[in-house]
């Protein structure tokens, strides 16, 4: 079980995921229980293939478990309904991936606007970009931005709809340490100022120090859970 929390934003219970490759079964998740507290920042740490991304995709409604349940604020997600999952993703979840997936022909502001046009209570794109330190880059195209700036546009796009959950899969994986610090700063600012419950996947153990809690994965299971006594700023990390 998880550490006590005043309120739980997201619960996963006995989650399994099995892939079939011909006659071979691959067990990506093996009965995982996980809670994410409201406003919490949790780092998922472990080697490639340990189940981190599979879990995040299931919690975010991008994938379905072979068995188990996901509950958002104590309401169970209907994993058999594409419509229900689409509404859950649209209204409650923001995603950030290792690769930015920006549309090259659109400016930073226009890339963020793609989300705000379908959100229920969006923030203005310029406000979202200002929150990640790009208030002066609104009308630049992706090709005119560095890798770190493009990733921060992707974060702005994810948070512009004011999601309850921000799920980040290796957001600094393609970046150098200096640029990674800027990206992590942006994620922490969103977590603290908006109160967005945040889960961040990394294979870099140093990054775990920015979290409230750390979940260690191996072979499709959470093998250790730790609460950080001190939540460090990205600039304090020994990259």
Protein backbone atom coordinates (compact mmCIF):
# COMPACT_ATOMS: atom_id res chain seq x y z
CA UNK A 1 0.00 0.00 0.00
CA UNK A 2 0.95 3.64 -0.48
CA UNK A 3 1.88 6.15 2.17
CA UNK A 4 -1.08 8.00 3.69
CA UNK A 5 -2.26 11.02 1.74
CA UNK A 6 -4.95 13.56 2.49
CA UNK A 7 -6.65 12.85 -0.83
CA UNK A 8 -5.91 10.42 -3.63
CA UNK A 9 -6.21 11.68 -7.19
CA UNK A 10 -5.57 8.40 -8.97
CA UNK A 11 -5.51 4.76 -7.92
CA UNK A 12 -4.41 1.65 -9.76
CA UNK A 13 -5.34 -1.70 -8.27
CA UNK A 14 -3.85 -5.08 -9.16
CA UNK A 15 -2.89 -3.90 -12.63
CA UNK A 16 -1.49 -6.46 -15.03
CA UNK A 17 -0.54 -6.15 -18.68
CA UNK A 18 0.39 -9.11 -20.84
CA UNK A 19 1.50 -8.83 -24.46
CA UNK A 20 1.50 -11.81 -26.79
CA UNK A 21 4.30 -12.16 -29.31
CA UNK A 22 3.45 -15.28 -31.24
CA UNK A 23 3.48 -18.07 -28.68
CA UNK A 24 5.40 -15.97 -26.14
CA UNK A 25 3.72 -13.99 -23.36
CA UNK A 26 5.45 -10.84 -22.12
CA UNK A 27 4.33 -9.73 -18.66
CA UNK A 28 4.83 -5.95 -18.66
CA UNK A 29 2.95 -5.43 -15.37
CA UNK A 30 2.51 -8.04 -12.66
CA UNK A 31 -0.17 -6.94 -10.18
CA UNK A 32 0.76 -3.31 -9.49
CA UNK A 33 -0.99 -1.21 -6.84
CA UNK A 34 -0.32 2.52 -6.98
CA UNK A 35 -1.80 5.73 -5.53
CA UNK A 36 -1.04 9.29 -6.64
CA UNK A 37 -1.98 11.90 -4.06
CA UNK A 38 -3.62 15.20 -5.01
CA UNK A 39 -0.90 17.70 -5.91
CA UNK A 40 1.87 15.16 -5.43
CA UNK A 41 4.96 14.78 -7.61
CA UNK A 42 5.98 11.13 -7.98
CA UNK A 43 8.99 9.86 -9.90
CA UNK A 44 8.86 6.38 -11.44
CA UNK A 45 12.40 5.05 -11.58
CA UNK A 46 13.78 1.89 -13.14
CA UNK A 47 15.48 0.36 -16.17
CA UNK A 48 13.97 0.12 -19.64
CA UNK A 49 11.40 -2.63 -19.85
CA UNK A 50 10.55 -2.59 -16.14
CA UNK A 51 6.93 -1.49 -16.65
CA UNK A 52 7.07 2.26 -16.02
CA UNK A 53 5.71 3.44 -19.37
CA UNK A 54 3.11 0.68 -19.50
CA UNK A 55 1.77 1.78 -16.11
CA UNK A 56 1.75 5.45 -17.07
CA UNK A 57 -0.09 4.74 -20.31
CA UNK A 58 -2.74 2.75 -18.44
CA UNK A 59 -3.16 5.43 -15.75
CA UNK A 60 -3.52 8.04 -18.50
CA UNK A 61 -6.10 6.09 -20.46
CA UNK A 62 -3.81 5.53 -23.46
CA UNK A 63 -3.70 1.77 -22.92
CA UNK A 64 -5.89 -0.82 -21.24
CA UNK A 65 -4.76 -3.29 -18.58
CA UNK A 66 -5.15 -7.01 -19.08
CA UNK A 67 -6.71 -6.99 -15.61
CA UNK A 68 -7.11 -4.58 -12.73
CA UNK A 69 -8.82 -1.26 -12.07
CA UNK A 70 -8.03 2.45 -12.39
CA UNK A 71 -9.96 4.95 -10.30
CA UNK A 72 -9.82 8.71 -10.83
CA UNK A 73 -10.99 10.47 -7.67
CA UNK A 74 -12.72 7.25 -6.59
CA UNK A 75 -14.63 6.92 -9.88
CA UNK A 76 -13.62 3.77 -11.77
CA UNK A 77 -12.60 4.29 -15.39
CA UNK A 78 -14.55 2.26 -17.92
CA UNK A 79 -11.64 0.68 -19.76
CA UNK A 80 -14.01 -0.86 -22.32
CA UNK A 81 -15.38 2.49 -23.48
CA UNK A 82 -13.23 4.45 -25.93
CA UNK A 83 -15.61 7.38 -25.51
CA UNK A 84 -15.16 7.43 -21.73
CA UNK A 85 -11.39 7.16 -22.02
CA UNK A 86 -11.31 9.95 -24.60
CA UNK A 87 -13.25 12.27 -22.29
CA UNK A 88 -10.98 11.34 -19.37
CA UNK A 89 -7.87 12.16 -21.40
CA UNK A 90 -9.36 15.36 -22.83
CA UNK A 91 -10.59 16.84 -19.57
CA UNK A 92 -8.25 15.51 -16.91
CA UNK A 93 -4.87 14.37 -18.28
CA UNK A 94 -1.90 16.18 -19.82
CA UNK A 95 0.89 14.15 -21.42
CA UNK A 96 4.55 15.02 -21.98
CA UNK A 97 6.78 12.56 -23.85
CA UNK A 98 10.49 12.33 -24.60
CA UNK A 99 9.89 13.58 -28.14
CA UNK A 100 8.02 16.82 -28.44
CA UNK A 101 5.53 16.01 -31.23
CA UNK A 102 5.10 19.65 -32.20
CA UNK A 103 3.61 20.55 -35.58
CA UNK A 104 6.48 22.20 -37.53
CA UNK A 105 4.25 24.55 -39.52
CA UNK A 106 2.66 26.06 -36.39
CA UNK A 107 4.15 28.61 -34.00
CA UNK A 108 4.57 27.88 -30.30
CA UNK A 109 1.33 29.74 -29.57
CA UNK A 110 -0.53 27.83 -32.31
CA UNK A 111 0.77 24.47 -31.09
CA UNK A 112 -0.61 25.21 -27.62
CA UNK A 113 -3.88 26.49 -29.10
CA UNK A 114 -4.57 23.04 -30.52
CA UNK A 115 -5.37 21.92 -26.98
CA UNK A 116 -7.07 25.05 -25.69
CA UNK A 117 -9.62 24.98 -28.51
CA UNK A 118 -11.08 21.69 -27.21
CA UNK A 119 -10.63 22.19 -23.45
CA UNK A 120 -13.43 23.14 -21.06
CA UNK A 121 -11.55 25.77 -19.03
CA UNK A 122 -8.26 26.48 -20.76
CA UNK A 123 -5.70 29.11 -19.90
CA UNK A 124 -4.66 31.44 -22.74
CA UNK A 125 -1.79 29.93 -24.75
CA UNK A 126 0.39 32.95 -23.97
CA UNK A 127 -0.14 32.38 -20.24
CA UNK A 128 0.78 28.70 -20.51
CA UNK A 129 3.94 29.55 -22.46
CA UNK A 130 4.86 32.25 -19.94
CA UNK A 131 4.58 29.67 -17.13
CA UNK A 132 7.33 27.61 -18.79
CA UNK A 133 9.54 30.65 -19.46
CA UNK A 134 8.69 31.15 -23.14
CA UNK A 135 6.63 34.31 -23.00
CA UNK A 136 8.97 35.92 -25.52
CA UNK A 137 8.89 33.00 -27.99
CA UNK A 138 5.16 32.86 -28.78
CA UNK A 139 5.50 33.34 -32.52
CA UNK A 140 8.55 31.18 -33.11
CA UNK A 141 8.27 27.95 -35.07
CA UNK A 142 9.71 24.69 -33.68
CA UNK A 143 12.69 24.90 -36.05
CA UNK A 144 13.58 28.25 -34.45
CA UNK A 145 13.59 26.76 -30.95
CA UNK A 146 16.17 24.65 -29.13
CA UNK A 147 15.33 21.13 -27.97
CA UNK A 148 14.68 22.34 -24.44
CA UNK A 149 12.45 25.14 -25.69
CA UNK A 150 10.47 22.70 -27.82
CA UNK A 151 9.99 20.45 -24.80
CA UNK A 152 8.76 23.42 -22.78
CA UNK A 153 6.26 24.20 -25.55
CA UNK A 154 5.09 20.60 -25.23
CA UNK A 155 4.69 21.10 -21.47
CA UNK A 156 2.75 24.33 -22.06
CA UNK A 157 0.50 22.48 -24.49
CA UNK A 158 -0.11 19.76 -21.90
CA UNK A 159 -0.96 22.12 -19.04
CA UNK A 160 -2.93 24.75 -20.99
CA UNK A 161 -6.14 22.80 -20.46
CA UNK A 162 -5.50 22.88 -16.69
CA UNK A 163 -5.29 19.10 -16.30
CA UNK A 164 -5.71 17.39 -12.97
CA UNK A 165 -2.93 14.96 -13.90
CA UNK A 166 0.36 15.59 -15.71
CA UNK A 167 2.05 12.39 -16.89
CA UNK A 168 5.62 12.79 -18.15
CA UNK A 169 7.51 9.95 -19.86
CA UNK A 170 11.27 10.66 -19.95
CA UNK A 171 10.75 14.42 -20.53
CA UNK A 172 14.50 15.11 -20.25
CA UNK A 173 15.67 11.94 -21.98
CA UNK A 174 16.76 13.70 -25.18
CA UNK A 175 18.26 16.74 -23.44
CA UNK A 176 21.60 17.71 -21.89
CA UNK A 177 21.70 18.40 -18.17
CA UNK A 178 21.56 22.21 -18.42
CA UNK A 179 18.51 22.07 -20.67
CA UNK A 180 16.99 19.29 -18.57
CA UNK A 181 17.12 21.53 -15.50
CA UNK A 182 14.98 24.15 -17.30
CA UNK A 183 12.44 21.51 -18.28
CA UNK A 184 12.26 20.08 -14.75
CA UNK A 185 11.91 23.60 -13.36
CA UNK A 186 8.89 24.10 -15.61
CA UNK A 187 7.31 20.83 -14.46
CA UNK A 188 7.89 21.69 -10.79
CA UNK A 189 6.41 25.14 -11.25
CA UNK A 190 3.25 23.68 -12.76
CA UNK A 191 3.01 21.17 -9.92
CA UNK A 192 3.33 23.84 -7.25
CA UNK A 193 1.38 26.74 -8.75
CA UNK A 194 -1.52 24.84 -10.31
CA UNK A 195 -1.47 21.87 -7.95
CA UNK A 196 -1.37 19.38 -10.80
CA UNK A 197 -0.75 15.81 -9.66
CA UNK A 198 2.40 14.82 -11.53
CA UNK A 199 4.03 11.48 -12.35
CA UNK A 200 7.41 11.55 -14.08
CA UNK A 201 9.24 8.58 -15.58
CA UNK A 202 13.02 8.58 -15.70
CA UNK A 203 15.90 6.11 -15.71
CA UNK A 204 18.15 8.81 -14.18
CA UNK A 205 18.27 8.21 -10.43
CA UNK A 206 19.44 11.78 -9.75
CA UNK A 207 16.13 13.22 -11.00
CA UNK A 208 14.28 11.26 -8.31
CA UNK A 209 15.45 13.86 -5.78
CA UNK A 210 12.92 16.44 -7.07
CA UNK A 211 9.98 14.20 -6.11
CA UNK A 212 7.79 13.91 -3.04
CA UNK A 213 7.89 10.13 -3.50
CA UNK A 214 9.84 7.67 -5.64
CA UNK A 215 8.56 4.33 -6.96
CA UNK A 216 11.25 1.86 -8.06
CA UNK A 217 10.31 -0.60 -10.82
CA UNK A 218 11.80 -3.94 -11.81
CA UNK A 219 10.34 -6.77 -13.87
CA UNK A 220 6.82 -5.36 -14.03
CA UNK A 221 6.54 -4.64 -10.31
CA UNK A 222 7.07 -1.80 -7.87
CA UNK A 223 9.88 -3.18 -5.75
CA UNK A 224 10.48 -0.20 -3.46
CA UNK A 225 8.68 2.98 -2.41
CA UNK A 226 10.43 5.93 -0.82
CA UNK A 227 9.36 9.35 0.41
CA UNK A 228 12.05 12.00 0.05
CA UNK A 229 12.83 13.84 3.27
CA UNK A 230 13.91 16.83 1.17
CA UNK A 231 12.52 17.77 -2.24
CA UNK A 232 15.47 19.25 -4.12
CA UNK A 233 15.37 21.91 -6.81
CA UNK A 234 16.59 20.78 -10.25
CA UNK A 235 19.54 23.18 -10.09
CA UNK A 236 20.75 21.40 -6.91
CA UNK A 237 21.00 18.00 -8.61
CA UNK A 238 24.43 16.47 -9.21
CA UNK A 239 23.95 15.61 -12.87
